[in-house]
Amino acid sequence: MGLRDQALLQLDALKKSVGLNKALDAEVVYHVDEALSKRLERYGPDLEDLVGAGFYSFAVTASDGNRVEVVDRREKYQACARSWKRRPDVGADAEYPDLSERDAAAMRAAKLK
């Protein structure tokens, strides 16, 4: 929860400093040691959803303390046409080129029903 609180404070600061309107335009980078990284990996998308961000990643460090960094990704990642999350995998699926891989999988699953 401490990392979540750090992320929410940084998101608020980004909104004020660079005009970030949506948390979905941000990436949360967890700067954590190897052990915590392995424990957090199992939560996957929940790590971005916990703060409403579009994407999350890990930067494994030999840590003096774990921290989080929130980065504006409006210039780097495209927004998914379904979830509006800015992610590096938007466009990776040939069948759904305007979606993230996660949303493309959801669309395929919906077609099967």
PDB file of N, CA and C in Angstrom:
ATOM      1  N   MET A   1       0.832  -1.194   0.000  1.00  0.00           N
ATOM      2  CA  MET A   1       0.000   0.000   0.000  1.00  0.00           C
ATOM      3  C   MET A   1       0.878   1.259   0.000  1.00  0.00           C
ATOM      4  N   GLY A   2       2.069   1.146   0.527  1.00  0.00           N
ATOM      5  CA  GLY A   2       2.980   2.288   0.514  1.00  0.00           C
ATOM      6  C   GLY A   2       3.353   2.698  -0.900  1.00  0.00           C
ATOM      7  N   LEU A   3       3.605   1.705  -1.757  1.00  0.00           N
ATOM      8  CA  LEU A   3       3.919   2.006  -3.158  1.00  0.00           C
ATOM      9  C   LEU A   3       2.711   2.624  -3.852  1.00  0.00           C
ATOM     10  N   ARG A   4       1.533   2.149  -3.529  1.00  0.00           N
ATOM     11  CA  ARG A   4       0.299   2.716  -4.096  1.00  0.00           C
ATOM     12  C   ARG A   4       0.173   4.185  -3.710  1.00  0.00           C
ATOM     13  N   ASP A   5       0.398   4.482  -2.437  1.00  0.00           N
ATOM     14  CA  ASP A   5       0.302   5.869  -1.976  1.00  0.00           C
ATOM     15  C   ASP A   5       1.310   6.764  -2.691  1.00  0.00           C
ATOM     16  N   GLN A   6       2.539   6.259  -2.876  1.00  0.00           N
ATOM     17  CA  GLN A   6       3.552   7.023  -3.614  1.00  0.00           C
ATOM     18  C   GLN A   6       3.089   7.305  -5.041  1.00  0.00           C
ATOM     19  N   ALA A   7       2.534   6.272  -5.683  1.00  0.00           N
ATOM     20  CA  ALA A   7       2.078   6.416  -7.067  1.00  0.00           C
ATOM     21  C   ALA A   7       0.951   7.432  -7.176  1.00  0.00           C
ATOM     22  N   LEU A   8       0.003   7.386  -6.266  1.00  0.00           N
ATOM     23  CA  LEU A   8      -1.128   8.322  -6.319  1.00  0.00           C
ATOM     24  C   LEU A   8      -0.667   9.761  -6.120  1.00  0.00           C
ATOM     25  N   LEU A   9       0.298   9.973  -5.238  1.00  0.00           N
ATOM     26  CA  LEU A   9       0.844  11.326  -5.049  1.00  0.00           C
ATOM     27  C   LEU A   9       1.539  11.820  -6.317  1.00  0.00           C
ATOM     28  N   GLN A  10       2.293  10.938  -6.955  1.00  0.00           N
ATOM     29  CA  GLN A  10       2.986  11.317  -8.192  1.00  0.00           C
ATOM     30  C   GLN A  10       2.010  11.565  -9.334  1.00  0.00           C
ATOM     31  N   LEU A  11       0.963  10.761  -9.416  1.00  0.00           N
ATOM     32  CA  LEU A  11      -0.058  10.997 -10.445  1.00  0.00           C
ATOM     33  C   LEU A  11      -0.686  12.371 -10.281  1.00  0.00           C
ATOM     34  N   ASP A  12      -0.994  12.724  -9.061  1.00  0.00           N
ATOM     35  CA  ASP A  12      -1.572  14.037  -8.786  1.00  0.00           C
ATOM     36  C   ASP A  12      -0.602  15.145  -9.187  1.00  0.00           C
ATOM     37  N   ALA A  13       0.668  14.966  -8.894  1.00  0.00           N
ATOM     38  CA  ALA A  13       1.684  15.960  -9.261  1.00  0.00           C
ATOM     39  C   ALA A  13       1.810  16.077 -10.780  1.00  0.00           C
ATOM     40  N   LEU A  14       1.762  14.944 -11.500  1.00  0.00           N
ATOM     41  CA  LEU A  14       1.835  14.980 -12.964  1.00  0.00           C
ATOM     42  C   LEU A  14       0.633  15.698 -13.563  1.00  0.00           C
ATOM     43  N   LYS A  15      -0.519  15.479 -12.983  1.00  0.00           N
ATOM     44  CA  LYS A  15      -1.720  16.157 -13.474  1.00  0.00           C
ATOM     45  C   LYS A  15      -1.557  17.668 -13.376  1.00  0.00           C
ATOM     46  N   LYS A  16      -0.948  18.106 -12.301  1.00  0.00           N
ATOM     47  CA  LYS A  16      -0.762  19.544 -12.099  1.00  0.00           C
ATOM     48  C   LYS A  16       0.393  20.105 -12.927  1.00  0.00           C
ATOM     49  N   SER A  17       1.497  19.371 -13.027  1.00  0.00           N
ATOM     50  CA  SER A  17       2.694  19.909 -13.664  1.00  0.00           C
ATOM     51  C   SER A  17       2.692  19.831 -15.190  1.00  0.00           C
ATOM     52  N   VAL A  18       2.167  18.743 -15.759  1.00  0.00           N
ATOM     53  CA  VAL A  18       2.209  18.593 -17.219  1.00  0.00           C
ATOM     54  C   VAL A  18       0.832  18.471 -17.845  1.00  0.00           C
ATOM     55  N   GLY A  19      -0.209  18.632 -17.055  1.00  0.00           N
ATOM     56  CA  GLY A  19      -1.559  18.570 -17.595  1.00  0.00           C
ATOM     57  C   GLY A  19      -2.021  17.179 -17.956  1.00  0.00           C
ATOM     58  N   LEU A  20      -1.518  16.185 -17.251  1.00  0.00           N
ATOM     59  CA  LEU A  20      -1.966  14.816 -17.481  1.00  0.00           C
ATOM     60  C   LEU A  20      -3.416  14.710 -17.022  1.00  0.00           C
ATOM     61  N   ASN A  21      -4.321  14.469 -17.958  1.00  0.00           N
ATOM     62  CA  ASN A  21      -5.746  14.445 -17.630  1.00  0.00           C
ATOM     63  C   ASN A  21      -6.234  13.106 -17.115  1.00  0.00           C
ATOM     64  N   LYS A  22      -5.616  12.028 -17.593  1.00  0.00           N
ATOM     65  CA  LYS A  22      -6.088  10.690 -17.229  1.00  0.00           C
ATOM     66  C   LYS A  22      -4.918   9.871 -16.707  1.00  0.00           C
ATOM     67  N   ALA A  23      -5.156   9.163 -15.623  1.00  0.00           N
ATOM     68  CA  ALA A  23      -4.135   8.252 -15.099  1.00  0.00           C
ATOM     69  C   ALA A  23      -3.814   7.154 -16.117  1.00  0.00           C
ATOM     70  N   LEU A  24      -4.760   6.848 -17.005  1.00  0.00           N
ATOM     71  CA  LEU A  24      -4.545   5.822 -18.026  1.00  0.00           C
ATOM     72  C   LEU A  24      -3.434   6.199 -19.004  1.00  0.00           C
ATOM     73  N   ASP A  25      -3.015   7.463 -19.002  1.00  0.00           N
ATOM     74  CA  ASP A  25      -1.926   7.925 -19.855  1.00  0.00           C
ATOM     75  C   ASP A  25      -0.562   7.735 -19.204  1.00  0.00           C
ATOM     76  N   ALA A  26      -0.536   7.156 -18.005  1.00  0.00           N
ATOM     77  CA  ALA A  26       0.712   7.027 -17.252  1.00  0.00           C
ATOM     78  C   ALA A  26       1.138   5.569 -17.105  1.00  0.00           C
ATOM     79  N   GLU A  27       2.424   5.398 -16.886  1.00  0.00           N
ATOM     80  CA  GLU A  27       3.001   4.096 -16.559  1.00  0.00           C
ATOM     81  C   GLU A  27       3.545   4.173 -15.142  1.00  0.00           C
ATOM     82  N   VAL A  28       3.293   3.138 -14.363  1.00  0.00           N
ATOM     83  CA  VAL A  28       3.838   3.035 -13.017  1.00  0.00           C
ATOM     84  C   VAL A  28       5.035   2.093 -13.083  1.00  0.00           C
ATOM     85  N   VAL A  29       6.210   2.605 -12.722  1.00  0.00           N
ATOM     86  CA  VAL A  29       7.430   1.800 -12.706  1.00  0.00           C
ATOM     87  C   VAL A  29       7.761   1.494 -11.249  1.00  0.00           C
ATOM     88  N   TYR A  30       7.744   0.215 -10.915  1.00  0.00           N
ATOM     89  CA  TYR A  30       8.042  -0.222  -9.563  1.00  0.00           C
ATOM     90  C   TYR A  30       9.540  -0.501  -9.462  1.00  0.00           C
ATOM     91  N   HIS A  31      10.264   0.335  -8.721  1.00  0.00           N
ATOM     92  CA  HIS A  31      11.694   0.155  -8.471  1.00  0.00           C
ATOM     93  C   HIS A  31      11.801  -0.654  -7.178  1.00  0.00           C
ATOM     94  N   VAL A  32      11.968  -1.960  -7.338  1.00  0.00           N
ATOM     95  CA  VAL A  32      11.941  -2.867  -6.195  1.00  0.00           C
ATOM     96  C   VAL A  32      13.062  -3.892  -6.321  1.00  0.00           C
ATOM     97  N   ASP A  33      13.374  -4.529  -5.203  1.00  0.00           N
ATOM     98  CA  ASP A  33      14.391  -5.586  -5.238  1.00  0.00           C
ATOM     99  C   ASP A  33      13.811  -6.840  -5.889  1.00  0.00           C
ATOM    100  N   GLU A  34      14.695  -7.769  -6.195  1.00  0.00           N
ATOM    101  CA  GLU A  34      14.304  -8.994  -6.917  1.00  0.00           C
ATOM    102  C   GLU A  34      13.218  -9.779  -6.184  1.00  0.00           C
ATOM    103  N   ALA A  35      13.347  -9.909  -4.882  1.00  0.00           N
ATOM    104  CA  ALA A  35      12.375 -10.693  -4.116  1.00  0.00           C
ATOM    105  C   ALA A  35      10.981 -10.078  -4.187  1.00  0.00           C
ATOM    106  N   LEU A  36      10.880  -8.761  -4.007  1.00  0.00           N
ATOM    107  CA  LEU A  36       9.573  -8.111  -4.065  1.00  0.00           C
ATOM    108  C   LEU A  36       9.019  -8.136  -5.485  1.00  0.00           C
ATOM    109  N   SER A  37       9.885  -7.996  -6.467  1.00  0.00           N
ATOM    110  CA  SER A  37       9.452  -8.081  -7.861  1.00  0.00           C
ATOM    111  C   SER A  37       8.769  -9.420  -8.134  1.00  0.00           C
ATOM    112  N   LYS A  38       9.367 -10.499  -7.670  1.00  0.00           N
ATOM    113  CA  LYS A  38       8.787 -11.837  -7.880  1.00  0.00           C
ATOM    114  C   LYS A  38       7.444 -11.974  -7.171  1.00  0.00           C
ATOM    115  N   ARG A  39       7.322 -11.391  -5.989  1.00  0.00           N
ATOM    116  CA  ARG A  39       6.048 -11.473  -5.259  1.00  0.00           C
ATOM    117  C   ARG A  39       4.970 -10.639  -5.957  1.00  0.00           C
ATOM    118  N   LEU A  40       5.357  -9.474  -6.478  1.00  0.00           N
ATOM    119  CA  LEU A  40       4.376  -8.592  -7.111  1.00  0.00           C
ATOM    120  C   LEU A  40       3.944  -9.070  -8.494  1.00  0.00           C
ATOM    121  N   GLU A  41       4.828  -9.778  -9.206  1.00  0.00           N
ATOM    122  CA  GLU A  41       4.525 -10.221 -10.576  1.00  0.00           C
ATOM    123  C   GLU A  41       3.216 -10.993 -10.672  1.00  0.00           C
ATOM    124  N   ARG A  42       2.879 -11.749  -9.670  1.00  0.00           N
ATOM    125  CA  ARG A  42       1.661 -12.562  -9.739  1.00  0.00           C
ATOM    126  C   ARG A  42       0.389 -11.720  -9.770  1.00  0.00           C
ATOM    127  N   TYR A  43       0.496 -10.448  -9.389  1.00  0.00           N
ATOM    128  CA  TYR A  43      -0.673  -9.570  -9.395  1.00  0.00           C
ATOM    129  C   TYR A  43      -0.907  -8.919 -10.754  1.00  0.00           C
ATOM    130  N   GLY A  44       0.069  -8.986 -11.640  1.00  0.00           N
ATOM    131  CA  GLY A  44      -0.061  -8.524 -13.011  1.00  0.00           C
ATOM    132  C   GLY A  44      -0.827  -7.232 -13.188  1.00  0.00           C
ATOM    133  N   PRO A  45      -1.901  -7.254 -13.986  1.00  0.00           N
ATOM    134  CA  PRO A  45      -2.662  -6.037 -14.293  1.00  0.00           C
ATOM    135  C   PRO A  45      -3.222  -5.310 -13.072  1.00  0.00           C
ATOM    136  N   ASP A  46      -3.351  -6.004 -11.964  1.00  0.00           N
ATOM    137  CA  ASP A  46      -3.832  -5.327 -10.757  1.00  0.00           C
ATOM    138  C   ASP A  46      -2.877  -4.225 -10.320  1.00  0.00           C
ATOM    139  N   LEU A  47      -1.596  -4.349 -10.676  1.00  0.00           N
ATOM    140  CA  LEU A  47      -0.611  -3.344 -10.275  1.00  0.00           C
ATOM    141  C   LEU A  47      -0.841  -2.002 -10.967  1.00  0.00           C
ATOM    142  N   GLU A  48      -1.378  -2.035 -12.174  1.00  0.00           N
ATOM    143  CA  GLU A  48      -1.730  -0.779 -12.845  1.00  0.00           C
ATOM    144  C   GLU A  48      -3.119  -0.326 -12.420  1.00  0.00           C
ATOM    145  N   ASP A  49      -4.034  -1.282 -12.274  1.00  0.00           N
ATOM    146  CA  ASP A  49      -5.406  -0.948 -11.891  1.00  0.00           C
ATOM    147  C   ASP A  49      -5.492  -0.381 -10.476  1.00  0.00           C
ATOM    148  N   LEU A  50      -4.560  -0.756  -9.624  1.00  0.00           N
ATOM    149  CA  LEU A  50      -4.534  -0.285  -8.243  1.00  0.00           C
ATOM    150  C   LEU A  50      -4.473   1.235  -8.151  1.00  0.00           C
ATOM    151  N   VAL A  51      -3.838   1.851  -9.152  1.00  0.00           N
ATOM    152  CA  VAL A  51      -3.743   3.317  -9.171  1.00  0.00           C
ATOM    153  C   VAL A  51      -4.431   3.922 -10.392  1.00  0.00           C
ATOM    154  N   GLY A  52      -5.013   3.072 -11.241  1.00  0.00           N
ATOM    155  CA  GLY A  52      -5.721   3.557 -12.419  1.00  0.00           C
ATOM    156  C   GLY A  52      -4.817   3.885 -13.590  1.00  0.00           C
ATOM    157  N   ALA A  53      -3.574   3.409 -13.567  1.00  0.00           N
ATOM    158  CA  ALA A  53      -2.612   3.710 -14.635  1.00  0.00           C
ATOM    159  C   ALA A  53      -2.848   2.814 -15.846  1.00  0.00           C
ATOM    160  N   GLY A  54      -2.256   3.188 -16.964  1.00  0.00           N
ATOM    161  CA  GLY A  54      -2.413   2.426 -18.189  1.00  0.00           C
ATOM    162  C   GLY A  54      -1.506   1.219 -18.281  1.00  0.00           C
ATOM    163  N   PHE A  55      -0.360   1.251 -17.601  1.00  0.00           N
ATOM    164  CA  PHE A  55       0.633   0.196 -17.738  1.00  0.00           C
ATOM    165  C   PHE A  55       1.509   0.189 -16.498  1.00  0.00           C
ATOM    166  N   TYR A  56       2.138  -0.937 -16.235  1.00  0.00           N
ATOM    167  CA  TYR A  56       3.105  -1.024 -15.147  1.00  0.00           C
ATOM    168  C   TYR A  56       4.329  -1.778 -15.637  1.00  0.00           C
ATOM    169  N   SER A  57       5.450  -1.535 -14.995  1.00  0.00           N
ATOM    170  CA  SER A  57       6.664  -2.290 -15.272  1.00  0.00           C
ATOM    171  C   SER A  57       7.513  -2.321 -14.010  1.00  0.00           C
ATOM    172  N   PHE A  58       8.540  -3.166 -14.048  1.00  0.00           N
ATOM    173  CA  PHE A  58       9.470  -3.278 -12.928  1.00  0.00           C
ATOM    174  C   PHE A  58      10.845  -2.804 -13.348  1.00  0.00           C
ATOM    175  N   ALA A  59      11.529  -2.149 -12.451  1.00  0.00           N
ATOM    176  CA  ALA A  59      12.942  -1.844 -12.581  1.00  0.00           C
ATOM    177  C   ALA A  59      13.576  -2.473 -11.350  1.00  0.00           C
ATOM    178  N   VAL A  60      14.154  -3.645 -11.533  1.00  0.00           N
ATOM    179  CA  VAL A  60      14.713  -4.378 -10.397  1.00  0.00           C
ATOM    180  C   VAL A  60      16.002  -3.697  -9.962  1.00  0.00           C
ATOM    181  N   THR A  61      16.076  -3.418  -8.670  1.00  0.00           N
ATOM    182  CA  THR A  61      17.234  -2.727  -8.112  1.00  0.00           C
ATOM    183  C   THR A  61      17.759  -3.487  -6.904  1.00  0.00           C
ATOM    184  N   ALA A  62      19.033  -3.273  -6.620  1.00  0.00           N
ATOM    185  CA  ALA A  62      19.590  -3.737  -5.348  1.00  0.00           C
ATOM    186  C   ALA A  62      19.202  -2.632  -4.381  1.00  0.00           C
ATOM    187  N   SER A  63      18.117  -2.821  -3.732  1.00  0.00           N
ATOM    188  CA  SER A  63      17.373  -1.736  -3.107  1.00  0.00           C
ATOM    189  C   SER A  63      17.842  -1.325  -1.723  1.00  0.00           C
ATOM    190  N   ASP A  64      17.893  -0.008  -1.522  1.00  0.00           N
ATOM    191  CA  ASP A  64      18.020   0.571  -0.183  1.00  0.00           C
ATOM    192  C   ASP A  64      16.611   0.803   0.351  1.00  0.00           C
ATOM    193  N   GLY A  65      15.665   0.738  -0.532  1.00  0.00           N
ATOM    194  CA  GLY A  65      14.261   0.957  -0.214  1.00  0.00           C
ATOM    195  C   GLY A  65      13.477   0.884  -1.505  1.00  0.00           C
ATOM    196  N   ASN A  66      12.317   0.340  -1.445  1.00  0.00           N
ATOM    197  CA  ASN A  66      11.492   0.211  -2.637  1.00  0.00           C
ATOM    198  C   ASN A  66      10.778   1.531  -2.893  1.00  0.00           C
ATOM    199  N   ARG A  67      10.621   1.849  -4.170  1.00  0.00           N
ATOM    200  CA  ARG A  67       9.935   3.089  -4.527  1.00  0.00           C
ATOM    201  C   ARG A  67       9.198   2.880  -5.841  1.00  0.00           C
ATOM    202  N   VAL A  68       8.391   3.848  -6.176  1.00  0.00           N
ATOM    203  CA  VAL A  68       7.626   3.802  -7.409  1.00  0.00           C
ATOM    204  C   VAL A  68       7.858   5.108  -8.159  1.00  0.00           C
ATOM    205  N   GLU A  69       7.769   5.038  -9.474  1.00  0.00           N
ATOM    206  CA  GLU A  69       7.912   6.215 -10.329  1.00  0.00           C
ATOM    207  C   GLU A  69       6.751   6.208 -11.316  1.00  0.00           C
ATOM    208  N   VAL A  70       6.098   7.338 -11.463  1.00  0.00           N
ATOM    209  CA  VAL A  70       4.992   7.448 -12.410  1.00  0.00           C
ATOM    210  C   VAL A  70       5.460   8.322 -13.568  1.00  0.00           C
ATOM    211  N   VAL A  71       5.275   7.806 -14.794  1.00  0.00           N
ATOM    212  CA  VAL A  71       5.807   8.460 -15.988  1.00  0.00           C
ATOM    213  C   VAL A  71       4.678   8.750 -16.973  1.00  0.00           C
ATOM    214  N   ASP A  72       4.659   9.945 -17.525  1.00  0.00           N
ATOM    215  CA  ASP A  72       3.702  10.328 -18.567  1.00  0.00           C
ATOM    216  C   ASP A  72       4.074   9.595 -19.849  1.00  0.00           C
ATOM    217  N   ARG A  73       3.153   8.819 -20.411  1.00  0.00           N
ATOM    218  CA  ARG A  73       3.438   8.029 -21.616  1.00  0.00           C
ATOM    219  C   ARG A  73       2.629   8.471 -22.831  1.00  0.00           C
ATOM    220  N   ARG A  74       2.103   9.688 -22.829  1.00  0.00           N
ATOM    221  CA  ARG A  74       1.317  10.156 -23.975  1.00  0.00           C
ATOM    222  C   ARG A  74       2.142  10.220 -25.248  1.00  0.00           C
ATOM    223  N   GLU A  75       3.420  10.483 -25.151  1.00  0.00           N
ATOM    224  CA  GLU A  75       4.272  10.579 -26.337  1.00  0.00           C
ATOM    225  C   GLU A  75       4.794   9.210 -26.794  1.00  0.00           C
ATOM    226  N   LYS A  76       4.916   8.274 -25.868  1.00  0.00           N
ATOM    227  CA  LYS A  76       5.588   7.012 -26.168  1.00  0.00           C
ATOM    228  C   LYS A  76       4.644   5.877 -26.577  1.00  0.00           C
ATOM    229  N   TYR A  77       3.520   5.730 -25.902  1.00  0.00           N
ATOM    230  CA  TYR A  77       2.614   4.605 -26.154  1.00  0.00           C
ATOM    231  C   TYR A  77       1.312   5.090 -26.768  1.00  0.00           C
ATOM    232  N   GLN A  78       0.726   4.257 -27.637  1.00  0.00           N
ATOM    233  CA  GLN A  78      -0.599   4.534 -28.183  1.00  0.00           C
ATOM    234  C   GLN A  78      -1.658   4.145 -27.159  1.00  0.00           C
ATOM    235  N   ALA A  79      -2.819   4.754 -27.259  1.00  0.00           N
ATOM    236  CA  ALA A  79      -3.935   4.400 -26.384  1.00  0.00           C
ATOM    237  C   ALA A  79      -4.758   3.293 -27.030  1.00  0.00           C
ATOM    238  N   CYS A  80      -5.147   2.325 -26.255  1.00  0.00           N
ATOM    239  CA  CYS A  80      -6.005   1.241 -26.711  1.00  0.00           C
ATOM    240  C   CYS A  80      -7.404   1.804 -26.981  1.00  0.00           C
ATOM    241  N   ALA A  81      -7.992   1.429 -28.092  1.00  0.00           N
ATOM    242  CA  ALA A  81      -9.315   1.934 -28.471  1.00  0.00           C
ATOM    243  C   ALA A  81     -10.433   1.343 -27.614  1.00  0.00           C
ATOM    244  N   ARG A  82     -10.164   0.297 -26.868  1.00  0.00           N
ATOM    245  CA  ARG A  82     -11.192  -0.322 -26.028  1.00  0.00           C
ATOM    246  C   ARG A  82     -11.084   0.123 -24.569  1.00  0.00           C
ATOM    247  N   SER A  83      -9.883   0.065 -24.001  1.00  0.00           N
ATOM    248  CA  SER A  83      -9.707   0.382 -22.577  1.00  0.00           C
ATOM    249  C   SER A  83      -9.141   1.777 -22.344  1.00  0.00           C
ATOM    250  N   TRP A  84      -8.643   2.400 -23.375  1.00  0.00           N
ATOM    251  CA  TRP A  84      -8.021   3.728 -23.327  1.00  0.00           C
ATOM    252  C   TRP A  84      -6.713   3.751 -22.551  1.00  0.00           C
ATOM    253  N   LYS A  85      -6.172   2.584 -22.226  1.00  0.00           N
ATOM    254  CA  LYS A  85      -4.886   2.509 -21.535  1.00  0.00           C
ATOM    255  C   LYS A  85      -3.764   2.695 -22.541  1.00  0.00           C
ATOM    256  N   ARG A  86      -2.791   3.500 -22.184  1.00  0.00           N
ATOM    257  CA  ARG A  86      -1.587   3.654 -23.015  1.00  0.00           C
ATOM    258  C   ARG A  86      -0.631   2.535 -22.624  1.00  0.00           C
ATOM    259  N   ARG A  87      -0.319   1.702 -23.637  1.00  0.00           N
ATOM    260  CA  ARG A  87       0.490   0.510 -23.375  1.00  0.00           C
ATOM    261  C   ARG A  87       1.433   0.275 -24.552  1.00  0.00           C
ATOM    262  N   PRO A  88       2.573  -0.343 -24.304  1.00  0.00           N
ATOM    263  CA  PRO A  88       3.511  -0.612 -25.406  1.00  0.00           C
ATOM    264  C   PRO A  88       3.029  -1.698 -26.362  1.00  0.00           C
ATOM    265  N   ASP A  89       2.040  -2.502 -25.957  1.00  0.00           N
ATOM    266  CA  ASP A  89       1.579  -3.592 -26.815  1.00  0.00           C
ATOM    267  C   ASP A  89       0.379  -3.226 -27.686  1.00  0.00           C
ATOM    268  N   VAL A  90      -0.053  -1.974 -27.667  1.00  0.00           N
ATOM    269  CA  VAL A  90      -1.139  -1.558 -28.561  1.00  0.00           C
ATOM    270  C   VAL A  90      -0.627  -1.668 -30.004  1.00  0.00           C
ATOM    271  N   GLY A  91      -1.391  -2.377 -30.815  1.00  0.00           N
ATOM    272  CA  GLY A  91      -1.007  -2.581 -32.212  1.00  0.00           C
ATOM    273  C   GLY A  91      -0.245  -3.866 -32.462  1.00  0.00           C
ATOM    274  N   ALA A  92       0.045  -4.631 -31.420  1.00  0.00           N
ATOM    275  CA  ALA A  92       0.817  -5.860 -31.586  1.00  0.00           C
ATOM    276  C   ALA A  92      -0.014  -7.002 -32.174  1.00  0.00           C
ATOM    277  N   ASP A  93      -1.328  -6.924 -32.089  1.00  0.00           N
ATOM    278  CA  ASP A  93      -2.204  -7.977 -32.585  1.00  0.00           C
ATOM    279  C   ASP A  93      -2.717  -7.585 -33.973  1.00  0.00           C
ATOM    280  N   ALA A  94      -2.408  -8.387 -34.975  1.00  0.00           N
ATOM    281  CA  ALA A  94      -2.777  -8.065 -36.354  1.00  0.00           C
ATOM    282  C   ALA A  94      -4.285  -8.015 -36.567  1.00  0.00           C
ATOM    283  N   GLU A  95      -5.034  -8.847 -35.853  1.00  0.00           N
ATOM    284  CA  GLU A  95      -6.487  -8.865 -36.008  1.00  0.00           C
ATOM    285  C   GLU A  95      -7.142  -7.625 -35.392  1.00  0.00           C
ATOM    286  N   TYR A  96      -6.549  -7.111 -34.334  1.00  0.00           N
ATOM    287  CA  TYR A  96      -7.066  -5.933 -33.627  1.00  0.00           C
ATOM    288  C   TYR A  96      -5.939  -4.909 -33.451  1.00  0.00           C
ATOM    289  N   PRO A  97      -5.537  -4.236 -34.520  1.00  0.00           N
ATOM    290  CA  PRO A  97      -4.367  -3.357 -34.468  1.00  0.00           C
ATOM    291  C   PRO A  97      -4.527  -2.100 -33.606  1.00  0.00           C
ATOM    292  N   ASP A  98      -5.739  -1.764 -33.211  1.00  0.00           N
ATOM    293  CA  ASP A  98      -5.929  -0.571 -32.373  1.00  0.00           C
ATOM    294  C   ASP A  98      -6.155  -0.932 -30.906  1.00  0.00           C
ATOM    295  N   LEU A  99      -5.921  -2.220 -30.559  1.00  0.00           N
ATOM    296  CA  LEU A  99      -6.126  -2.682 -29.185  1.00  0.00           C
ATOM    297  C   LEU A  99      -4.827  -3.186 -28.567  1.00  0.00           C
ATOM    298  N   SER A 100      -4.809  -3.230 -27.246  1.00  0.00           N
ATOM    299  CA  SER A 100      -3.701  -3.868 -26.531  1.00  0.00           C
ATOM    300  C   SER A 100      -3.885  -5.378 -26.648  1.00  0.00           C
ATOM    301  N   GLU A 101      -2.854  -6.124 -26.318  1.00  0.00           N
ATOM    302  CA  GLU A 101      -2.962  -7.582 -26.383  1.00  0.00           C
ATOM    303  C   GLU A 101      -4.040  -8.098 -25.433  1.00  0.00           C
ATOM    304  N   ARG A 102      -4.124  -7.495 -24.265  1.00  0.00           N
ATOM    305  CA  ARG A 102      -5.132  -7.909 -23.274  1.00  0.00           C
ATOM    306  C   ARG A 102      -6.551  -7.681 -23.821  1.00  0.00           C
ATOM    307  N   ASP A 103      -6.786  -6.542 -24.439  1.00  0.00           N
ATOM    308  CA  ASP A 103      -8.112  -6.242 -24.979  1.00  0.00           C
ATOM    309  C   ASP A 103      -8.416  -7.053 -26.238  1.00  0.00           C
ATOM    310  N   ALA A 104      -7.394  -7.323 -27.040  1.00  0.00           N
ATOM    311  CA  ALA A 104      -7.598  -8.171 -28.215  1.00  0.00           C
ATOM    312  C   ALA A 104      -8.020  -9.575 -27.780  1.00  0.00           C
ATOM    313  N   ALA A 105      -7.403 -10.091 -26.727  1.00  0.00           N
ATOM    314  CA  ALA A 105      -7.780 -11.414 -26.204  1.00  0.00           C
ATOM    315  C   ALA A 105      -9.222 -11.394 -25.698  1.00  0.00           C
ATOM    316  N   ALA A 106      -9.628 -10.311 -25.056  1.00  0.00           N
ATOM    317  CA  ALA A 106     -11.002 -10.197 -24.565  1.00  0.00           C
ATOM    318  C   ALA A 106     -11.993 -10.182 -25.736  1.00  0.00           C
ATOM    319  N   MET A 107     -11.638  -9.499 -26.808  1.00  0.00           N
ATOM    320  CA  MET A 107     -12.514  -9.451 -27.976  1.00  0.00           C
ATOM    321  C   MET A 107     -12.635 -10.830 -28.620  1.00  0.00           C
ATOM    322  N   ARG A 108     -11.525 -11.558 -28.695  1.00  0.00           N
ATOM    323  CA  ARG A 108     -11.573 -12.917 -29.248  1.00  0.00           C
ATOM    324  C   ARG A 108     -12.440 -13.826 -28.375  1.00  0.00           C
ATOM    325  N   ALA A 109     -12.319 -13.690 -27.083  1.00  0.00           N
ATOM    326  CA  ALA A 109     -13.122 -14.507 -26.168  1.00  0.00           C
ATOM    327  C   ALA A 109     -14.602 -14.166 -26.306  1.00  0.00           C
ATOM    328  N   ALA A 110     -14.936 -12.906 -26.517  1.00  0.00           N
ATOM    329  CA  ALA A 110     -16.328 -12.507 -26.680  1.00  0.00           C
ATOM    330  C   ALA A 110     -16.927 -13.063 -27.976  1.00  0.00           C
ATOM    331  N   LYS A 111     -16.101 -13.202 -29.012  1.00  0.00           N
ATOM    332  CA  LYS A 111     -16.574 -13.757 -30.288  1.00  0.00           C
ATOM    333  C   LYS A 111     -16.931 -15.236 -30.146  1.00  0.00           C
ATOM    334  N   LEU A 112     -16.297 -15.922 -29.225  1.00  0.00           N
ATOM    335  CA  LEU A 112     -16.522 -17.361 -29.051  1.00  0.00           C
ATOM    336  C   LEU A 112     -17.851 -17.661 -28.374  1.00  0.00           C
ATOM    337  N   LYS A 113     -18.420 -16.685 -27.711  1.00  0.00           N
ATOM    338  CA  LYS A 113     -19.667 -16.913 -26.959  1.00  0.00           C
ATOM    339  C   LYS A 113     -20.878 -16.898 -27.828  1.00  0.00           C
TER     340      LYS A 113
END
